[in-house]
């Protein structure tokens, strides 16, 4: 059943978020793991942490997209009050955030969207009864963010120096599931969304006719090509070009020189790749901003919808295509994309038990796990051979298998690329199939008791609705 994007967004705001002055009764904290949208105003974790800044940025993107779509002046006033409270708590922390995670892109893009909204309306944020946040202050924050080194990081340097041939590897494995697949030797999501944000904000505030814009232009053209040819695994499927992009990072005991001890490089992941899609979209919006001659004018994001023909957009679409077919087939996405050991029917005979243990072993710093050899039971349970499971990352496979809604909802973030078939059909059908309910709307996903990743999933719903509204999409199915 189709739903109206702005109606769903306003329902989430009114029932689950509010002005931020206090937690709403429908957004409780505790064992039920609902959205907890009020959590960004609490001290645990601190407002300087990756997860808090990331979610504050996502909320700003959502709220600034909702504002022009709000049904009444009262709702608009309340939206501005929440934006004001978020800015008071997070603006300086966002600007000074130095770590490498997605917060370094989502936070600044949220800050930019708040500035663009205020700049267009010629107002300052003064609705929450606390210290005003002026347009001048926000522009100063954004210029401070841009005054830091933009492309002076190891990944950008390696691309500029043409060293990509040593930044990925092809897996050599006795198991055909892995054999011959490519993956990056470092995590891609954080750096791509950060650099995409920097490219866009620089273009929107400082213009396109300069050396920095030229360098970003070269960088993202090389990056998009590399995602296809170096770090990804491309296939044709029923006329669609699908790009399966593993998570990246070093692989312990697998001939890789990286010091990162994890096997995540083998697997695609719904949340990880959705953020890569967002980062590519931010970059493509920078090109659109320049093309429309809106550089230095700080346009709102809905005014610079990315061209689908741009290489960043087309690669993002290919990434979405993988999840469109994979999720449609399995009726579920996974946080650490696969293999879903449960569904594969792991046994000693078919080799998946050994592979499962290897996966868990790789997560351990010393390469030795406390997971019992051959056991495939959940934490504290006993398998048919009488072996008790001690879980760890293996337990995530079970949780993913029984928690389709929150992890599958990570894919909402892909609406930023403008290909909404993934949300229109695939996500909704998957949630309906696994949850046993026809109420697969974003409000249902964000508010229901949906498992151990509910909080993160609800935040991605906000990202998805923001992407839809910023692309002019009015209805989804």
Protein backbone atom coordinates (compact mmCIF):
# COMPACT_ATOMS: atom_id res chain seq x y z
CA UNK A 1 0.00 0.00 0.00
CA UNK A 2 1.44 3.35 -1.02
CA UNK A 3 2.22 5.95 1.59
CA UNK A 4 2.98 9.65 1.33
CA UNK A 5 6.56 10.47 2.22
CA UNK A 6 5.86 13.78 3.95
CA UNK A 7 2.95 12.28 5.91
CA UNK A 8 5.13 9.44 7.20
CA UNK A 9 7.94 11.87 8.03
CA UNK A 10 5.61 14.19 9.94
CA UNK A 11 4.07 11.25 11.80
CA UNK A 12 7.53 10.15 12.97
CA UNK A 13 8.37 13.69 14.02
CA UNK A 14 5.12 14.31 15.89
CA UNK A 15 4.83 10.93 17.61
CA UNK A 16 8.47 9.96 18.20
CA UNK A 17 10.65 13.06 18.12
CA UNK A 18 9.00 16.34 19.08
CA UNK A 19 10.97 19.48 19.84
CA UNK A 20 13.63 17.62 21.82
CA UNK A 21 12.80 19.37 25.08
CA UNK A 22 11.90 16.00 26.57
CA UNK A 23 11.56 12.37 25.56
CA UNK A 24 8.15 11.52 24.15
CA UNK A 25 6.28 8.60 25.79
CA UNK A 26 6.18 6.79 22.45
CA UNK A 27 10.00 6.90 22.21
CA UNK A 28 11.00 5.06 25.40
CA UNK A 29 14.41 3.83 26.39
CA UNK A 30 15.03 0.32 27.63
CA UNK A 31 14.82 -3.29 26.63
CA UNK A 32 12.30 -2.79 23.85
CA UNK A 33 14.97 -1.08 21.68
CA UNK A 34 12.74 1.36 19.89
CA UNK A 35 13.99 4.37 17.97
CA UNK A 36 15.31 6.36 20.96
CA UNK A 37 15.45 9.56 18.92
CA UNK A 38 15.84 11.52 22.15
CA UNK A 39 19.10 9.70 22.90
CA UNK A 40 21.16 12.36 21.12
CA UNK A 41 20.31 14.78 23.93
CA UNK A 42 21.58 12.47 26.65
CA UNK A 43 25.13 12.13 27.96
CA UNK A 44 25.73 8.44 27.37
CA UNK A 45 27.42 8.29 24.95
CA UNK A 46 28.77 11.83 24.92
CA UNK A 47 27.96 14.32 22.12
CA UNK A 48 31.52 13.91 20.88
CA UNK A 49 31.10 10.23 20.00
CA UNK A 50 30.86 8.78 16.49
CA UNK A 51 27.35 7.39 16.94
CA UNK A 52 25.92 10.54 18.54
CA UNK A 53 27.29 12.89 15.89
CA UNK A 54 26.23 10.52 13.11
CA UNK A 55 22.66 10.38 14.39
CA UNK A 56 22.49 14.09 15.13
CA UNK A 57 23.55 14.74 11.52
CA UNK A 58 20.93 12.31 10.23
CA UNK A 59 18.24 14.05 12.25
CA UNK A 60 19.28 17.45 10.88
CA UNK A 61 19.05 16.13 7.32
CA UNK A 62 15.60 14.73 8.10
CA UNK A 63 14.29 17.84 9.86
CA UNK A 64 15.49 20.31 7.24
CA UNK A 65 13.86 18.19 4.52
CA UNK A 66 10.62 17.93 6.50
CA UNK A 67 10.35 21.67 7.23
CA UNK A 68 9.09 22.80 3.78
CA UNK A 69 6.77 19.77 3.66
CA UNK A 70 5.20 20.27 7.10
CA UNK A 71 1.41 20.54 7.16
CA UNK A 72 1.04 23.42 9.62
CA UNK A 73 2.93 26.39 10.98
CA UNK A 74 2.93 24.73 14.40
CA UNK A 75 4.79 21.70 13.06
CA UNK A 76 7.27 23.97 11.29
CA UNK A 77 7.89 25.90 14.50
CA UNK A 78 8.47 22.66 16.40
CA UNK A 79 10.84 21.40 13.71
CA UNK A 80 12.89 24.60 14.02
CA UNK A 81 12.97 24.20 17.81
CA UNK A 82 14.44 20.71 17.52
CA UNK A 83 16.98 21.86 14.93
CA UNK A 84 17.93 24.67 17.33
CA UNK A 85 18.49 22.25 20.22
CA UNK A 86 20.59 19.91 18.09
CA UNK A 87 22.75 22.80 16.87
CA UNK A 88 23.29 24.07 20.40
CA UNK A 89 24.52 20.67 21.50
CA UNK A 90 26.41 19.49 18.42
CA UNK A 91 27.54 22.26 16.08
CA UNK A 92 31.00 22.79 17.59
CA UNK A 93 31.52 19.05 18.15
CA UNK A 94 30.68 18.33 14.50
CA UNK A 95 33.19 20.88 13.28
CA UNK A 96 35.93 19.51 15.53
CA UNK A 97 35.26 15.82 14.87
CA UNK A 98 38.50 14.29 13.57
CA UNK A 99 37.90 10.53 13.47
CA UNK A 100 37.44 8.51 10.31
CA UNK A 101 33.88 7.23 10.65
CA UNK A 102 30.67 8.25 8.83
CA UNK A 103 29.99 10.94 11.46
CA UNK A 104 32.62 13.09 9.74
CA UNK A 105 30.34 13.29 6.69
CA UNK A 106 26.81 13.02 8.08
CA UNK A 107 27.40 15.57 10.83
CA UNK A 108 28.71 18.34 8.54
CA UNK A 109 26.04 17.66 5.90
CA UNK A 110 23.42 18.04 8.62
CA UNK A 111 25.07 21.26 9.74
CA UNK A 112 25.12 22.51 6.14
CA UNK A 113 21.45 21.66 5.60
CA UNK A 114 20.53 23.67 8.73
CA UNK A 115 22.52 26.63 7.42
CA UNK A 116 20.99 26.39 3.92
CA UNK A 117 17.46 26.32 5.37
CA UNK A 118 18.09 29.37 7.57
CA UNK A 119 19.93 31.20 4.80
CA UNK A 120 17.05 30.71 2.37
CA UNK A 121 14.49 31.87 4.94
CA UNK A 122 16.66 34.72 6.26
CA UNK A 123 16.21 33.67 9.88
CA UNK A 124 18.32 32.62 12.84
CA UNK A 125 17.55 29.70 15.15
CA UNK A 126 15.88 31.21 18.21
CA UNK A 127 12.90 28.94 18.83
CA UNK A 128 14.04 26.77 21.72
CA UNK A 129 14.44 29.32 24.52
CA UNK A 130 18.19 28.80 24.62
CA UNK A 131 21.22 30.57 23.15
CA UNK A 132 20.50 31.67 19.59
CA UNK A 133 22.35 30.05 16.71
CA UNK A 134 22.73 32.57 13.91
CA UNK A 135 23.36 32.10 10.22
CA UNK A 136 26.68 33.90 10.67
CA UNK A 137 27.74 31.39 13.33
CA UNK A 138 26.77 28.43 11.15
CA UNK A 139 28.69 29.80 8.17
CA UNK A 140 31.72 30.31 10.41
CA UNK A 141 31.46 26.69 11.57
CA UNK A 142 31.27 25.45 7.98
CA UNK A 143 34.24 27.56 6.89
CA UNK A 144 36.20 26.19 9.84
CA UNK A 145 35.31 22.68 8.67
CA UNK A 146 36.48 23.51 5.15
CA UNK A 147 39.70 25.15 6.32
CA UNK A 148 41.00 21.81 7.52
CA UNK A 149 42.84 19.69 4.98
CA UNK A 150 40.30 18.36 2.51
CA UNK A 151 42.09 15.80 0.38
CA UNK A 152 45.13 15.44 2.62
CA UNK A 153 44.47 11.91 3.85
CA UNK A 154 46.07 8.58 3.09
CA UNK A 155 43.30 7.24 0.86
CA UNK A 156 43.09 10.38 -1.27
CA UNK A 157 46.87 10.49 -1.61
CA UNK A 158 47.00 6.86 -2.75
CA UNK A 159 44.41 7.50 -5.43
CA UNK A 160 46.22 10.64 -6.54
CA UNK A 161 49.49 8.69 -6.71
CA UNK A 162 47.93 5.83 -8.67
CA UNK A 163 48.58 3.20 -6.00
CA UNK A 164 45.19 1.51 -6.16
CA UNK A 165 46.70 -1.74 -7.36
CA UNK A 166 47.97 -2.41 -3.84
CA UNK A 167 44.80 -1.20 -2.10
CA UNK A 168 42.67 -4.19 -3.00
CA UNK A 169 43.16 -7.90 -3.30
CA UNK A 170 41.49 -10.91 -4.84
CA UNK A 171 40.56 -13.57 -2.31
CA UNK A 172 42.30 -16.91 -2.56
CA UNK A 173 40.15 -19.43 -0.76
CA UNK A 174 39.33 -23.11 -0.83
CA UNK A 175 35.66 -22.17 -0.55
CA UNK A 176 33.97 -21.08 -3.76
CA UNK A 177 31.82 -18.55 -1.92
CA UNK A 178 34.88 -16.34 -1.43
CA UNK A 179 37.29 -17.45 -4.15
CA UNK A 180 38.09 -14.85 -6.78
CA UNK A 181 36.20 -11.97 -5.19
CA UNK A 182 37.77 -8.54 -4.79
CA UNK A 183 37.74 -6.40 -1.68
CA UNK A 184 39.43 -3.23 -0.47
CA UNK A 185 42.19 -3.47 2.09
CA UNK A 186 40.69 -0.62 4.09
CA UNK A 187 37.19 0.50 5.08
CA UNK A 188 35.54 2.59 2.37
CA UNK A 189 32.31 3.90 3.87
CA UNK A 190 33.64 6.48 6.32
CA UNK A 191 36.14 8.03 3.92
CA UNK A 192 33.70 8.18 0.98
CA UNK A 193 30.91 9.85 2.92
CA UNK A 194 33.36 12.30 4.50
CA UNK A 195 34.96 13.28 1.21
CA UNK A 196 31.58 13.46 -0.54
CA UNK A 197 30.38 15.87 2.15
CA UNK A 198 33.53 17.98 1.89
CA UNK A 199 33.24 18.14 -1.89
CA UNK A 200 29.62 19.25 -1.76
CA UNK A 201 29.98 21.78 1.06
CA UNK A 202 33.10 23.26 -0.52
CA UNK A 203 31.32 23.62 -3.86
CA UNK A 204 28.17 25.09 -2.31
CA UNK A 205 30.02 27.69 -0.23
CA UNK A 206 33.35 28.38 -1.91
CA UNK A 207 32.49 27.70 -5.55
CA UNK A 208 33.58 25.46 -8.41
CA UNK A 209 36.17 27.55 -10.23
CA UNK A 210 39.13 26.73 -8.03
CA UNK A 211 41.91 24.22 -7.55
CA UNK A 212 40.18 22.35 -4.71
CA UNK A 213 37.09 21.70 -6.85
CA UNK A 214 39.30 20.42 -9.66
CA UNK A 215 41.11 18.04 -7.30
CA UNK A 216 37.83 16.69 -5.93
CA UNK A 217 36.54 16.26 -9.48
CA UNK A 218 39.54 14.14 -10.43
CA UNK A 219 39.37 12.22 -7.15
CA UNK A 220 35.73 11.14 -7.46
CA UNK A 221 36.05 10.16 -11.11
CA UNK A 222 38.94 7.87 -10.17
CA UNK A 223 37.11 6.60 -7.10
CA UNK A 224 33.92 5.70 -8.96
CA UNK A 225 35.91 3.77 -11.55
CA UNK A 226 37.88 1.99 -8.84
CA UNK A 227 34.72 0.91 -7.02
CA UNK A 228 33.82 -1.00 -10.17
CA UNK A 229 37.19 -2.30 -11.28
CA UNK A 230 39.30 -2.64 -8.13
CA UNK A 231 37.17 -2.98 -5.02
CA UNK A 232 33.94 -4.42 -6.41
CA UNK A 233 32.51 -7.52 -8.02
CA UNK A 234 30.27 -6.68 -10.97
CA UNK A 235 27.76 -8.99 -12.62
CA UNK A 236 24.83 -8.78 -15.00
CA UNK A 237 21.52 -10.01 -13.61
CA UNK A 238 18.30 -9.85 -15.65
CA UNK A 239 19.47 -6.75 -17.48
CA UNK A 240 20.75 -4.98 -14.36
CA UNK A 241 24.40 -4.24 -13.70
CA UNK A 242 24.96 -5.20 -10.08
CA UNK A 243 27.95 -4.10 -8.04
CA UNK A 244 28.69 -6.18 -4.95
CA UNK A 245 31.11 -4.18 -2.81
CA UNK A 246 32.58 -6.01 0.21
CA UNK A 247 33.09 -4.08 3.40
CA UNK A 248 36.83 -3.55 3.15
CA UNK A 249 39.53 -3.47 5.85
CA UNK A 250 42.41 -5.78 6.59
CA UNK A 251 42.13 -9.53 6.84
CA UNK A 252 43.97 -11.33 9.59
CA UNK A 253 46.01 -14.41 8.59
CA UNK A 254 45.10 -14.03 4.93
CA UNK A 255 48.25 -12.72 3.30
CA UNK A 256 47.31 -9.07 3.81
CA UNK A 257 49.76 -6.62 5.30
CA UNK A 258 47.11 -4.54 7.05
CA UNK A 259 47.14 -4.63 10.84
CA UNK A 260 43.33 -4.70 10.99
CA UNK A 261 42.29 -8.14 12.19
CA UNK A 262 38.88 -8.77 10.75
CA UNK A 263 37.33 -10.81 7.96
CA UNK A 264 34.69 -8.22 7.14
CA UNK A 265 36.39 -7.60 3.82
CA UNK A 266 34.73 -10.71 2.42
CA UNK A 267 31.17 -9.50 2.96
CA UNK A 268 28.86 -6.85 1.56
CA UNK A 269 26.77 -5.06 4.18
CA UNK A 270 23.48 -3.19 3.89
CA UNK A 271 24.39 -0.37 6.28
CA UNK A 272 27.94 0.04 5.03
CA UNK A 273 27.08 0.25 1.35
CA UNK A 274 24.06 2.48 1.91
CA UNK A 275 26.43 5.07 3.39
CA UNK A 276 28.73 4.69 0.39
CA UNK A 277 25.72 5.43 -1.83
CA UNK A 278 25.03 8.57 0.23
CA UNK A 279 28.67 9.70 -0.08
CA UNK A 280 28.64 9.20 -3.86
CA UNK A 281 25.38 11.14 -4.04
CA UNK A 282 26.83 14.05 -2.07
CA UNK A 283 29.66 14.21 -4.62
CA UNK A 284 27.25 14.03 -7.56
CA UNK A 285 25.26 16.90 -6.03
CA UNK A 286 28.44 18.96 -6.01
CA UNK A 287 28.68 18.56 -9.79
CA UNK A 288 25.01 19.50 -10.12
CA UNK A 289 25.54 22.55 -7.90
CA UNK A 290 28.29 23.74 -10.23
CA UNK A 291 26.29 22.96 -13.37
CA UNK A 292 23.31 24.98 -12.16
CA UNK A 293 25.66 27.86 -11.25
CA UNK A 294 24.55 27.71 -7.62
CA UNK A 295 28.10 27.54 -6.27
CA UNK A 296 28.72 29.93 -3.35
CA UNK A 297 24.94 30.40 -2.96
CA UNK A 298 24.44 27.61 -0.39
CA UNK A 299 21.45 25.95 -2.10
CA UNK A 300 19.19 23.61 -0.18
CA UNK A 301 19.80 19.97 -1.05
CA UNK A 302 16.47 19.62 -2.86
CA UNK A 303 17.62 22.30 -5.31
CA UNK A 304 20.66 20.32 -6.49
CA UNK A 305 19.33 16.82 -7.19
CA UNK A 306 22.17 14.76 -8.64
CA UNK A 307 22.21 13.80 -12.30
CA UNK A 308 21.58 10.04 -12.70
CA UNK A 309 24.04 9.97 -15.61
CA UNK A 310 26.99 11.15 -13.54
CA UNK A 311 29.51 8.38 -12.88
CA UNK A 312 29.04 8.64 -9.09
CA UNK A 313 25.27 8.26 -9.53
CA UNK A 314 25.55 5.33 -11.92
CA UNK A 315 27.95 3.44 -9.63
CA UNK A 316 25.62 4.12 -6.69
CA UNK A 317 22.74 2.69 -8.74
CA UNK A 318 24.76 -0.45 -9.46
CA UNK A 319 25.34 -0.87 -5.72
CA UNK A 320 21.62 -0.49 -5.09
CA UNK A 321 20.90 -3.06 -7.81
CA UNK A 322 22.80 -5.71 -5.87
CA UNK A 323 20.56 -5.21 -2.86
CA UNK A 324 17.48 -4.95 -5.05
CA UNK A 325 17.99 -8.50 -6.32
CA UNK A 326 19.67 -9.99 -3.23
CA UNK A 327 17.03 -8.70 -0.83
CA UNK A 328 14.20 -9.63 -3.20
CA UNK A 329 15.58 -13.17 -3.34
CA UNK A 330 16.21 -13.59 0.38
CA UNK A 331 13.52 -11.22 1.70
CA UNK A 332 16.20 -9.84 3.97
CA UNK A 333 19.35 -7.76 4.09
CA UNK A 334 22.14 -8.40 6.60
CA UNK A 335 24.30 -6.10 8.65
CA UNK A 336 27.43 -8.02 7.76
CA UNK A 337 25.99 -9.09 4.47
CA UNK A 338 26.63 -12.79 4.30
CA UNK A 339 27.01 -15.59 4.33
CA UNK A 340 23.93 -16.23 6.38
CA UNK A 341 25.29 -19.35 8.02
CA UNK A 342 21.87 -20.31 9.35
CA UNK A 343 20.23 -20.27 5.93
CA UNK A 344 23.17 -22.10 4.39
CA UNK A 345 22.54 -25.06 6.71
CA UNK A 346 26.06 -25.18 8.08
CA UNK A 347 27.39 -28.69 8.66
CA UNK A 348 30.81 -30.22 8.99
CA UNK A 349 30.25 -32.05 5.71
CA UNK A 350 29.54 -28.97 3.57
CA UNK A 351 32.36 -26.93 5.08
CA UNK A 352 30.29 -24.08 6.47
CA UNK A 353 30.88 -24.93 10.10
CA UNK A 354 34.62 -24.60 9.58
CA UNK A 355 34.08 -21.40 7.62
CA UNK A 356 31.87 -20.04 10.37
CA UNK A 357 34.50 -20.70 13.02
CA UNK A 358 37.15 -19.13 10.80
CA UNK A 359 34.97 -16.04 10.46
CA UNK A 360 34.71 -15.73 14.22
CA UNK A 361 38.40 -16.47 14.75
CA UNK A 362 39.35 -13.63 12.42
CA UNK A 363 37.52 -11.16 14.66
CA UNK A 364 39.78 -11.94 17.59
CA UNK A 365 42.92 -9.86 18.04
CA UNK A 366 45.02 -12.94 18.78
CA UNK A 367 43.32 -14.99 16.06
CA UNK A 368 42.08 -17.60 18.56
CA UNK A 369 38.44 -17.76 19.57
CA UNK A 370 36.67 -19.35 22.50
CA UNK A 371 34.05 -20.67 20.11
CA UNK A 372 33.99 -24.47 20.33
CA UNK A 373 35.20 -26.27 17.24
CA UNK A 374 32.31 -27.46 15.09
CA UNK A 375 29.57 -26.05 17.30
CA UNK A 376 26.84 -24.02 15.72
CA UNK A 377 24.57 -23.27 18.64
CA UNK A 378 23.45 -19.88 19.87
CA UNK A 379 24.81 -18.40 23.09
CA UNK A 380 24.11 -20.74 25.97
CA UNK A 381 22.28 -23.30 23.83
CA UNK A 382 23.35 -26.80 22.89
CA UNK A 383 23.45 -28.22 19.38
CA UNK A 384 22.52 -31.75 18.30
CA UNK A 385 26.04 -32.97 19.09
CA UNK A 386 25.78 -31.70 22.67
CA UNK A 387 28.10 -28.74 22.18
CA UNK A 388 27.27 -25.43 23.86
CA UNK A 389 27.61 -22.25 21.81
CA UNK A 390 29.56 -19.28 23.08
CA UNK A 391 28.30 -17.01 20.37
CA UNK A 392 30.24 -13.89 19.61
CA UNK A 393 29.96 -12.84 15.98
CA UNK A 394 28.35 -16.14 15.07
CA UNK A 395 25.44 -15.15 17.24
CA UNK A 396 24.95 -12.14 14.98
CA UNK A 397 24.04 -14.51 12.18
CA UNK A 398 21.19 -15.83 14.30
CA UNK A 399 20.10 -12.37 15.35
CA UNK A 400 20.14 -11.14 11.75
CA UNK A 401 18.14 -14.17 10.67
CA UNK A 402 15.45 -13.40 13.23
CA UNK A 403 15.59 -9.60 13.01
CA UNK A 404 14.77 -8.73 9.39
CA UNK A 405 13.22 -5.33 9.97
CA UNK A 406 15.89 -3.26 11.65
CA UNK A 407 18.82 -4.45 9.54
CA UNK A 408 16.87 -4.43 6.27
CA UNK A 409 15.81 -0.85 7.05
CA UNK A 410 19.46 0.18 6.69
CA UNK A 411 18.74 0.16 2.95
CA UNK A 412 16.46 3.19 3.30
CA UNK A 413 19.59 5.37 3.10
CA UNK A 414 19.91 4.43 -0.57
CA UNK A 415 16.97 6.69 -1.44
CA UNK A 416 19.52 9.49 -1.69
CA UNK A 417 20.52 8.15 -5.09
CA UNK A 418 17.00 8.63 -6.44
CA UNK A 419 16.35 4.99 -7.41
CA UNK A 420 13.37 4.33 -5.17
CA UNK A 421 12.40 0.93 -6.54
CA UNK A 422 14.50 -0.55 -3.77
CA UNK A 423 12.30 1.09 -1.15
CA UNK A 424 9.09 0.99 -3.16
CA UNK A 425 9.07 -2.76 -3.51
CA UNK A 426 12.04 -4.65 -2.15
CA UNK A 427 12.33 -3.39 1.42
CA UNK A 428 8.59 -3.30 2.01
CA UNK A 429 8.09 -6.81 0.69
CA UNK A 430 10.99 -8.14 2.75
CA UNK A 431 9.66 -6.62 5.95
CA UNK A 432 6.15 -7.86 5.24
CA UNK A 433 7.38 -11.36 4.49
CA UNK A 434 9.48 -11.63 7.63
CA UNK A 435 7.37 -9.69 10.12
CA UNK A 436 3.98 -11.14 9.25
CA UNK A 437 2.43 -7.70 9.01
CA UNK A 438 1.29 -5.52 6.15
CA UNK A 439 2.25 -2.39 8.10
CA UNK A 440 5.68 -2.01 6.51
CA UNK A 441 5.61 1.80 6.35
CA UNK A 442 8.59 3.83 7.60
CA UNK A 443 6.63 4.82 10.71
CA UNK A 444 6.03 1.17 11.53
CA UNK A 445 9.69 0.33 10.99
CA UNK A 446 10.87 3.24 13.14
CA UNK A 447 8.39 2.69 15.98
CA UNK A 448 7.93 -1.08 16.23
CA UNK A 449 9.84 -3.43 18.54
CA UNK A 450 12.21 -4.61 15.86
CA UNK A 451 15.21 -6.14 17.58
CA UNK A 452 18.79 -5.57 18.50
CA UNK A 453 19.53 -3.03 15.75
CA UNK A 454 16.27 -1.09 16.07
CA UNK A 455 17.89 2.17 17.07
CA UNK A 456 20.31 2.17 14.14
CA UNK A 457 17.57 1.03 11.76
CA UNK A 458 15.27 3.85 12.84
CA UNK A 459 18.06 6.37 12.21
CA UNK A 460 18.44 5.00 8.67
CA UNK A 461 14.70 5.44 8.11
CA UNK A 462 15.22 9.14 8.85
CA UNK A 463 18.06 9.24 6.32
CA UNK A 464 15.86 7.53 3.75
CA UNK A 465 12.92 9.87 4.16
CA UNK A 466 15.30 12.84 3.97
CA UNK A 467 16.73 11.46 0.73
CA UNK A 468 13.26 10.95 -0.73
CA UNK A 469 12.08 14.46 0.18
CA UNK A 470 15.31 16.01 -1.12
CA UNK A 471 14.78 14.18 -4.43
CA UNK A 472 11.17 15.36 -4.80
CA UNK A 473 9.67 11.90 -4.29
CA UNK A 474 6.17 12.23 -2.85
CA UNK A 475 4.97 8.63 -2.50
CA UNK A 476 6.53 5.25 -1.81
CA UNK A 477 4.97 1.81 -1.66
